[in-house]
């Protein structure tokens, strides 16, 4: 090997080691730690943060676990939202109000992308888990302010 190649390999190996130290350990689905979802979505969902911090600038990956019948009314985000269905039946539609007739059913492996500021809504017709990733900080604005769960009293847990 030439000196330049050896140096490049050593730098790559060193960088890979440093990168691995900063990574979260790989995790199987059974090891994911779930918590009640924040109050910006309706009660009943659970959330797991897999990577990053959705409240800060930077990339994040979260999972949202929803019971059958769970609904997220029409809303938008300041950044593009990318969603992959892990399990269940997830319905997604674009528009200013949740309309089951105009939504599309996504099943395990399905993917959707809602561009920044695009009004969209979602609902689960069976227990469902979706993975959401995007650029933080995460923010949500409901089309109808009365639909925003943050404006409603939360039930005591």
N, C-alpha and C. Protein backbone atom coordinates (compact mmCIF):
# COMPACT_ATOMS: atom_id res chain seq x y z
N UNK A 1 0.84 -1.18 0.00
CA UNK A 1 0.00 0.00 0.00
C UNK A 1 0.88 1.24 0.00
N UNK A 2 0.39 2.24 -0.65
CA UNK A 2 1.09 3.51 -0.64
C UNK A 2 0.80 4.23 0.67
N UNK A 3 1.71 5.14 1.04
CA UNK A 3 1.57 5.85 2.30
C UNK A 3 0.24 6.59 2.39
N UNK A 4 -0.18 7.25 1.32
CA UNK A 4 -1.45 7.98 1.32
C UNK A 4 -2.63 7.06 1.56
N UNK A 5 -2.59 5.87 0.99
CA UNK A 5 -3.68 4.91 1.17
C UNK A 5 -3.73 4.41 2.61
N UNK A 6 -2.55 4.11 3.19
CA UNK A 6 -2.49 3.65 4.57
C UNK A 6 -3.04 4.73 5.50
N UNK A 7 -2.65 5.97 5.27
CA UNK A 7 -3.13 7.08 6.09
C UNK A 7 -4.65 7.20 5.98
N UNK A 8 -5.18 7.09 4.76
CA UNK A 8 -6.62 7.20 4.56
C UNK A 8 -7.35 6.07 5.28
N UNK A 9 -6.82 4.85 5.22
CA UNK A 9 -7.44 3.71 5.90
C UNK A 9 -7.43 3.93 7.40
N UNK A 10 -6.29 4.38 7.95
CA UNK A 10 -6.20 4.62 9.39
C UNK A 10 -7.17 5.72 9.82
N UNK A 11 -7.30 6.77 9.02
CA UNK A 11 -8.25 7.84 9.35
C UNK A 11 -9.68 7.31 9.32
N UNK A 12 -9.98 6.48 8.32
CA UNK A 12 -11.31 5.92 8.21
C UNK A 12 -11.62 5.02 9.40
N UNK A 13 -10.67 4.16 9.79
CA UNK A 13 -10.88 3.27 10.93
C UNK A 13 -11.04 4.10 12.21
N UNK A 14 -10.22 5.10 12.39
CA UNK A 14 -10.33 5.97 13.57
C UNK A 14 -11.66 6.71 13.59
N UNK A 15 -12.07 7.22 12.44
CA UNK A 15 -13.34 7.95 12.37
C UNK A 15 -14.50 7.02 12.62
N UNK A 16 -14.42 5.80 12.10
CA UNK A 16 -15.49 4.84 12.31
C UNK A 16 -15.62 4.51 13.79
N UNK A 17 -14.51 4.36 14.48
CA UNK A 17 -14.55 4.08 15.92
C UNK A 17 -15.18 5.23 16.68
N UNK A 18 -14.83 6.46 16.33
CA UNK A 18 -15.40 7.62 17.00
C UNK A 18 -16.89 7.72 16.70
N UNK A 19 -17.25 7.46 15.46
CA UNK A 19 -18.65 7.52 15.08
C UNK A 19 -19.45 6.47 15.85
N UNK A 20 -18.91 5.27 15.96
CA UNK A 20 -19.61 4.21 16.68
C UNK A 20 -19.81 4.58 18.14
N UNK A 21 -18.86 5.28 18.75
CA UNK A 21 -19.00 5.68 20.15
C UNK A 21 -20.17 6.65 20.34
N UNK A 22 -20.47 7.45 19.31
CA UNK A 22 -21.54 8.43 19.41
C UNK A 22 -22.91 7.86 19.04
N UNK A 23 -22.94 6.69 18.42
CA UNK A 23 -24.20 6.09 18.00
C UNK A 23 -24.93 5.47 19.17
N UNK A 24 -26.25 5.45 19.08
CA UNK A 24 -27.02 4.67 20.03
C UNK A 24 -26.85 3.22 19.62
N UNK A 25 -26.91 2.35 20.59
CA UNK A 25 -26.77 0.93 20.29
C UNK A 25 -27.92 0.47 19.42
N UNK A 26 -27.71 -0.50 18.56
CA UNK A 26 -28.84 -1.06 17.83
C UNK A 26 -29.87 -1.61 18.83
N UNK A 27 -31.12 -1.58 18.43
CA UNK A 27 -32.19 -1.99 19.34
C UNK A 27 -33.23 -2.79 18.55
N UNK A 28 -33.70 -3.86 19.14
CA UNK A 28 -34.81 -4.62 18.56
C UNK A 28 -36.12 -4.03 19.06
N UNK A 29 -37.19 -4.30 18.34
CA UNK A 29 -38.49 -3.74 18.69
C UNK A 29 -38.88 -4.06 20.13
N UNK A 30 -38.54 -5.25 20.60
CA UNK A 30 -38.91 -5.64 21.96
C UNK A 30 -38.17 -4.84 23.03
N UNK A 31 -37.11 -4.14 22.65
CA UNK A 31 -36.31 -3.37 23.60
C UNK A 31 -36.67 -1.88 23.60
N UNK A 32 -37.56 -1.47 22.73
CA UNK A 32 -37.92 -0.05 22.66
C UNK A 32 -38.69 0.35 23.91
N UNK A 33 -38.30 1.48 24.48
CA UNK A 33 -38.96 2.00 25.68
C UNK A 33 -40.01 3.02 25.27
N UNK A 34 -41.26 2.70 25.58
CA UNK A 34 -42.39 3.56 25.23
C UNK A 34 -42.79 4.44 26.41
N UNK A 35 -43.29 5.61 26.08
CA UNK A 35 -43.78 6.55 27.09
C UNK A 35 -45.05 7.21 26.54
N UNK A 36 -45.89 7.78 27.40
CA UNK A 36 -47.05 8.51 26.88
C UNK A 36 -46.60 9.61 25.93
N UNK A 37 -47.32 9.76 24.83
CA UNK A 37 -46.98 10.79 23.84
C UNK A 37 -47.19 12.17 24.44
N UNK A 38 -46.43 13.16 23.99
CA UNK A 38 -46.61 14.53 24.49
C UNK A 38 -48.01 15.06 24.17
N UNK A 39 -48.36 16.15 24.83
CA UNK A 39 -49.71 16.69 24.71
C UNK A 39 -50.01 17.37 23.39
N UNK A 40 -49.09 17.36 22.43
CA UNK A 40 -49.40 17.96 21.13
C UNK A 40 -50.16 16.99 20.22
N UNK A 41 -50.33 15.74 20.67
CA UNK A 41 -51.20 14.79 19.98
C UNK A 41 -52.25 14.31 20.98
N UNK A 42 -53.39 13.81 20.51
CA UNK A 42 -54.43 13.37 21.43
C UNK A 42 -53.93 12.27 22.37
N UNK A 43 -54.55 12.21 23.55
CA UNK A 43 -54.21 11.17 24.53
C UNK A 43 -54.45 9.79 23.93
N UNK A 44 -53.69 8.83 24.43
CA UNK A 44 -53.88 7.45 24.01
C UNK A 44 -52.72 6.88 23.24
N UNK A 45 -51.88 7.73 22.68
CA UNK A 45 -50.72 7.26 21.92
C UNK A 45 -49.51 7.15 22.83
N UNK A 46 -48.55 6.36 22.39
CA UNK A 46 -47.27 6.26 23.08
C UNK A 46 -46.17 6.64 22.09
N UNK A 47 -45.05 7.12 22.63
CA UNK A 47 -43.94 7.57 21.79
C UNK A 47 -42.64 6.92 22.26
N UNK A 48 -41.75 6.71 21.31
CA UNK A 48 -40.39 6.27 21.61
C UNK A 48 -39.46 7.09 20.73
N UNK A 49 -38.47 7.71 21.34
CA UNK A 49 -37.47 8.47 20.59
C UNK A 49 -36.32 7.52 20.30
N UNK A 50 -36.10 7.25 19.02
CA UNK A 50 -35.03 6.33 18.62
C UNK A 50 -33.71 7.05 18.39
N UNK A 51 -33.79 8.29 17.90
CA UNK A 51 -32.56 9.01 17.57
C UNK A 51 -32.83 10.50 17.60
N UNK A 52 -31.84 11.25 18.04
CA UNK A 52 -31.95 12.70 18.07
C UNK A 52 -32.87 13.18 19.17
N UNK A 53 -33.20 14.45 19.09
CA UNK A 53 -34.11 15.08 20.04
C UNK A 53 -35.08 15.92 19.22
N UNK A 54 -36.34 15.46 19.10
CA UNK A 54 -37.30 16.19 18.26
C UNK A 54 -37.51 17.64 18.68
N UNK A 55 -37.18 18.00 19.92
CA UNK A 55 -37.39 19.37 20.37
C UNK A 55 -36.25 20.30 19.99
N UNK A 56 -35.18 19.74 19.41
CA UNK A 56 -34.01 20.54 19.06
C UNK A 56 -33.72 20.50 17.57
N UNK A 57 -32.89 21.43 17.12
CA UNK A 57 -32.46 21.46 15.73
C UNK A 57 -31.67 20.19 15.44
N UNK A 58 -31.94 19.56 14.34
CA UNK A 58 -31.22 18.35 13.94
C UNK A 58 -32.18 17.24 13.57
N UNK A 59 -31.61 16.17 13.05
CA UNK A 59 -32.42 15.03 12.63
C UNK A 59 -32.96 14.27 13.84
N UNK A 60 -34.15 13.73 13.70
CA UNK A 60 -34.75 12.91 14.75
C UNK A 60 -35.47 11.73 14.11
N UNK A 61 -35.63 10.67 14.89
CA UNK A 61 -36.43 9.50 14.50
C UNK A 61 -37.24 9.11 15.73
N UNK A 62 -38.56 9.06 15.56
CA UNK A 62 -39.44 8.65 16.65
C UNK A 62 -40.38 7.56 16.15
N UNK A 63 -40.98 6.84 17.07
CA UNK A 63 -42.07 5.93 16.73
C UNK A 63 -43.28 6.34 17.55
N UNK A 64 -44.44 6.22 16.93
CA UNK A 64 -45.70 6.54 17.58
C UNK A 64 -46.57 5.29 17.53
N UNK A 65 -47.02 4.85 18.71
CA UNK A 65 -47.89 3.68 18.84
C UNK A 65 -49.29 4.18 19.15
N UNK A 66 -50.24 3.78 18.29
CA UNK A 66 -51.61 4.27 18.41
C UNK A 66 -52.59 3.11 18.54
N UNK A 67 -53.62 3.26 19.36
CA UNK A 67 -54.66 2.22 19.43
C UNK A 67 -55.60 2.34 18.23
N UNK A 68 -56.38 1.29 17.99
CA UNK A 68 -57.40 1.34 16.94
C UNK A 68 -58.34 2.50 17.22
N UNK A 69 -58.70 3.23 16.16
CA UNK A 69 -59.61 4.36 16.30
C UNK A 69 -58.93 5.68 16.62
N UNK A 70 -57.62 5.67 16.82
CA UNK A 70 -56.89 6.89 17.16
C UNK A 70 -56.90 7.84 15.96
N UNK A 71 -57.12 9.13 16.21
CA UNK A 71 -57.23 10.12 15.15
C UNK A 71 -56.37 11.34 15.46
N UNK A 72 -55.67 11.82 14.45
CA UNK A 72 -54.95 13.09 14.55
C UNK A 72 -55.58 14.02 13.52
N UNK A 73 -56.24 15.04 14.01
CA UNK A 73 -56.96 15.97 13.14
C UNK A 73 -55.99 16.73 12.22
N UNK A 74 -56.55 17.41 11.23
CA UNK A 74 -55.75 18.12 10.23
C UNK A 74 -54.78 19.09 10.89
N UNK A 75 -53.55 19.04 10.41
CA UNK A 75 -52.47 19.85 10.96
C UNK A 75 -51.37 19.97 9.92
N UNK A 76 -50.34 20.74 10.26
CA UNK A 76 -49.16 20.83 9.40
C UNK A 76 -47.94 21.04 10.28
N UNK A 77 -46.78 20.98 9.64
CA UNK A 77 -45.49 21.14 10.32
C UNK A 77 -44.64 22.13 9.53
N UNK A 78 -43.71 22.82 10.19
CA UNK A 78 -42.85 23.76 9.48
C UNK A 78 -41.78 23.06 8.63
N UNK A 79 -41.56 21.77 8.86
CA UNK A 79 -40.59 21.00 8.09
C UNK A 79 -41.27 19.76 7.53
N UNK A 80 -40.65 19.15 6.54
CA UNK A 80 -41.19 17.92 5.93
C UNK A 80 -41.22 16.80 6.96
N UNK A 81 -42.33 16.06 6.96
CA UNK A 81 -42.50 14.91 7.86
C UNK A 81 -42.51 13.65 7.01
N UNK A 82 -41.69 12.68 7.39
CA UNK A 82 -41.61 11.41 6.67
C UNK A 82 -42.06 10.29 7.59
N UNK A 83 -43.01 9.49 7.12
CA UNK A 83 -43.64 8.47 7.94
C UNK A 83 -43.55 7.11 7.26
N UNK A 84 -43.12 6.10 8.03
CA UNK A 84 -43.10 4.71 7.58
C UNK A 84 -43.97 3.90 8.53
N UNK A 85 -44.87 3.11 7.98
CA UNK A 85 -45.72 2.26 8.81
C UNK A 85 -44.93 1.01 9.19
N UNK A 86 -44.81 0.79 10.48
CA UNK A 86 -44.11 -0.39 10.99
C UNK A 86 -45.10 -1.56 11.10
N UNK A 87 -46.29 -1.27 11.65
CA UNK A 87 -47.32 -2.30 11.76
C UNK A 87 -48.68 -1.63 11.83
N UNK A 88 -49.71 -2.38 11.48
CA UNK A 88 -51.07 -1.88 11.59
C UNK A 88 -51.61 -1.27 10.32
N UNK A 89 -52.72 -0.57 10.48
CA UNK A 89 -53.44 0.06 9.37
C UNK A 89 -53.52 1.55 9.64
N UNK A 90 -52.75 2.32 8.88
CA UNK A 90 -52.60 3.75 9.09
C UNK A 90 -53.20 4.46 7.88
N UNK A 91 -54.15 5.35 8.14
CA UNK A 91 -54.81 6.09 7.07
C UNK A 91 -54.30 7.52 7.09
N UNK A 92 -53.95 8.02 5.93
CA UNK A 92 -53.39 9.37 5.82
C UNK A 92 -54.09 10.10 4.70
N UNK A 93 -54.38 11.36 4.93
CA UNK A 93 -55.00 12.18 3.90
C UNK A 93 -54.46 13.59 3.94
N UNK A 94 -54.59 14.27 2.83
CA UNK A 94 -54.17 15.66 2.72
C UNK A 94 -55.41 16.52 2.67
N UNK A 95 -55.41 17.61 3.42
CA UNK A 95 -56.55 18.50 3.41
C UNK A 95 -56.72 19.21 4.73
N UNK A 96 -57.76 20.03 4.79
CA UNK A 96 -57.99 20.90 5.94
C UNK A 96 -58.85 20.28 7.04
N UNK A 97 -59.41 19.08 6.78
CA UNK A 97 -60.23 18.40 7.78
C UNK A 97 -60.12 16.89 7.57
N UNK A 98 -60.15 16.14 8.66
CA UNK A 98 -60.07 14.70 8.57
C UNK A 98 -61.28 14.17 7.80
N UNK A 99 -61.01 13.46 6.72
CA UNK A 99 -62.06 12.90 5.87
C UNK A 99 -61.67 11.46 5.55
N UNK A 100 -62.32 10.51 6.24
CA UNK A 100 -61.98 9.11 6.05
C UNK A 100 -62.11 8.67 4.60
N UNK A 101 -63.06 9.22 3.88
CA UNK A 101 -63.29 8.82 2.48
C UNK A 101 -62.14 9.25 1.56
N UNK A 102 -61.44 10.29 1.94
CA UNK A 102 -60.37 10.81 1.08
C UNK A 102 -58.98 10.42 1.56
N UNK A 103 -58.92 9.54 2.55
CA UNK A 103 -57.61 9.12 3.05
C UNK A 103 -57.15 7.87 2.32
N UNK A 104 -55.87 7.59 2.42
CA UNK A 104 -55.29 6.41 1.80
C UNK A 104 -54.82 5.47 2.90
N UNK A 105 -55.12 4.20 2.76
CA UNK A 105 -54.67 3.20 3.72
C UNK A 105 -53.23 2.81 3.43
N UNK A 106 -52.39 2.92 4.45
CA UNK A 106 -51.01 2.45 4.37
C UNK A 106 -50.87 1.30 5.37
N UNK A 107 -50.24 0.22 4.94
CA UNK A 107 -50.02 -0.93 5.81
C UNK A 107 -48.52 -1.08 6.04
N UNK A 108 -48.13 -2.11 6.79
CA UNK A 108 -46.72 -2.31 7.15
C UNK A 108 -45.82 -2.15 5.92
N UNK A 109 -44.83 -1.30 6.07
CA UNK A 109 -43.90 -1.00 4.98
C UNK A 109 -44.30 0.20 4.16
N UNK A 110 -45.54 0.67 4.31
CA UNK A 110 -46.00 1.85 3.57
C UNK A 110 -45.24 3.10 4.00
N UNK A 111 -45.15 4.06 3.10
CA UNK A 111 -44.38 5.28 3.35
C UNK A 111 -45.16 6.48 2.84
N UNK A 112 -45.06 7.59 3.54
CA UNK A 112 -45.67 8.84 3.10
C UNK A 112 -44.78 10.00 3.50
N UNK A 113 -44.91 11.06 2.76
CA UNK A 113 -44.14 12.27 3.04
C UNK A 113 -45.09 13.46 2.94
N UNK A 114 -45.13 14.26 3.97
CA UNK A 114 -45.94 15.48 3.98
C UNK A 114 -44.99 16.67 3.93
N UNK A 115 -44.96 17.38 2.82
CA UNK A 115 -44.07 18.54 2.72
C UNK A 115 -44.39 19.59 3.79
N UNK A 116 -43.42 20.41 4.09
CA UNK A 116 -43.60 21.49 5.06
C UNK A 116 -44.85 22.29 4.71
N UNK A 117 -45.62 22.63 5.72
CA UNK A 117 -46.83 23.45 5.63
C UNK A 117 -48.01 22.75 4.93
N UNK A 118 -47.88 21.50 4.54
CA UNK A 118 -48.98 20.77 3.89
C UNK A 118 -49.95 20.27 4.96
N UNK A 119 -51.20 20.67 4.87
CA UNK A 119 -52.21 20.20 5.82
C UNK A 119 -52.50 18.72 5.56
N UNK A 120 -52.46 17.94 6.63
CA UNK A 120 -52.72 16.50 6.52
C UNK A 120 -53.31 16.00 7.83
N UNK A 121 -53.86 14.78 7.78
CA UNK A 121 -54.49 14.17 8.94
C UNK A 121 -54.23 12.68 8.88
N UNK A 122 -54.49 12.01 10.00
CA UNK A 122 -54.23 10.57 10.04
C UNK A 122 -55.14 9.89 11.04
N UNK A 123 -55.35 8.60 10.83
CA UNK A 123 -56.09 7.80 11.79
C UNK A 123 -55.67 6.35 11.65
N UNK A 124 -55.86 5.62 12.73
CA UNK A 124 -55.48 4.20 12.77
C UNK A 124 -56.74 3.37 12.92
N UNK A 125 -56.92 2.39 12.03
CA UNK A 125 -58.10 1.54 12.12
C UNK A 125 -57.81 0.22 12.84
N UNK A 126 -56.55 0.04 13.23
CA UNK A 126 -56.14 -1.10 14.05
C UNK A 126 -54.97 -0.61 14.90
N UNK A 127 -54.57 -1.36 15.92
CA UNK A 127 -53.36 -0.92 16.64
C UNK A 127 -52.23 -0.73 15.64
N UNK A 128 -51.58 0.43 15.70
CA UNK A 128 -50.63 0.82 14.65
C UNK A 128 -49.39 1.45 15.25
N UNK A 129 -48.25 1.16 14.62
CA UNK A 129 -46.99 1.82 14.96
C UNK A 129 -46.43 2.43 13.69
N UNK A 130 -46.10 3.72 13.76
CA UNK A 130 -45.45 4.41 12.65
C UNK A 130 -44.12 4.96 13.12
N UNK A 131 -43.20 5.06 12.19
CA UNK A 131 -41.92 5.70 12.46
C UNK A 131 -41.91 7.02 11.71
N UNK A 132 -41.60 8.08 12.43
CA UNK A 132 -41.57 9.43 11.86
C UNK A 132 -40.15 9.95 11.96
N UNK A 133 -39.67 10.51 10.86
CA UNK A 133 -38.36 11.15 10.95
C UNK A 133 -38.40 12.47 10.19
N UNK A 134 -37.51 13.34 10.60
CA UNK A 134 -37.46 14.64 9.98
C UNK A 134 -36.40 15.51 10.62
N UNK A 135 -36.49 16.79 10.31
CA UNK A 135 -35.56 17.79 10.81
C UNK A 135 -36.24 18.55 11.93
N UNK A 136 -35.63 18.54 13.10
CA UNK A 136 -36.18 19.26 14.24
C UNK A 136 -35.80 20.73 14.19
N UNK A 137 -36.37 21.52 15.04
CA UNK A 137 -37.29 21.08 16.07
C UNK A 137 -38.67 20.76 15.50
N UNK A 138 -39.29 19.70 16.05
CA UNK A 138 -40.61 19.29 15.65
C UNK A 138 -41.62 20.31 16.16
N UNK A 139 -42.57 20.67 15.32
CA UNK A 139 -43.66 21.55 15.72
C UNK A 139 -44.91 21.12 14.96
N UNK A 140 -46.06 21.36 15.55
CA UNK A 140 -47.32 20.98 14.92
C UNK A 140 -48.32 22.12 15.12
N UNK A 141 -49.01 22.45 14.02
CA UNK A 141 -50.04 23.49 14.05
C UNK A 141 -51.32 22.87 13.51
N UNK A 142 -52.37 22.84 14.33
CA UNK A 142 -53.65 22.29 13.90
C UNK A 142 -54.39 23.32 13.05
N UNK A 143 -55.02 22.85 11.97
CA UNK A 143 -55.78 23.73 11.09
C UNK A 143 -56.89 24.43 11.88
N UNK A 144 -57.62 23.65 12.66
CA UNK A 144 -58.66 24.20 13.53
C UNK A 144 -58.08 24.25 14.94
N UNK A 145 -57.84 25.43 15.49
CA UNK A 145 -57.24 25.52 16.82
C UNK A 145 -58.01 24.73 17.89
N UNK A 146 -59.31 24.53 17.71
CA UNK A 146 -60.10 23.77 18.68
C UNK A 146 -59.69 22.29 18.70
N UNK A 147 -59.04 21.80 17.64
CA UNK A 147 -58.58 20.40 17.58
C UNK A 147 -57.27 20.18 18.31
N UNK A 148 -56.59 21.25 18.68
CA UNK A 148 -55.28 21.14 19.33
C UNK A 148 -55.45 20.59 20.75
N UNK A 149 -54.91 19.40 21.01
CA UNK A 149 -55.06 18.81 22.36
C UNK A 149 -54.46 19.68 23.46
N UNK A 150 -53.52 20.55 23.12
CA UNK A 150 -52.90 21.41 24.13
C UNK A 150 -53.89 22.44 24.65
N UNK A 151 -54.98 22.67 23.92
CA UNK A 151 -55.97 23.65 24.36
C UNK A 151 -57.08 23.02 25.19
N UNK A 152 -56.98 21.70 25.41
CA UNK A 152 -58.00 20.98 26.17
C UNK A 152 -57.41 20.48 27.49
N UNK A 153 -58.23 20.43 28.54
CA UNK A 153 -57.73 19.88 29.80
C UNK A 153 -57.37 18.40 29.63
N UNK A 154 -56.25 18.00 30.16
CA UNK A 154 -55.82 16.60 30.07
C UNK A 154 -56.41 15.83 31.25
N UNK A 155 -56.84 14.61 30.95
CA UNK A 155 -57.35 13.74 32.01
C UNK A 155 -56.20 13.35 32.91
N UNK A 156 -56.48 13.21 34.19
CA UNK A 156 -55.41 12.79 35.11
C UNK A 156 -55.10 11.32 34.89
N UNK A 157 -53.84 10.99 35.05
CA UNK A 157 -53.39 9.63 34.76
C UNK A 157 -53.17 8.84 36.00
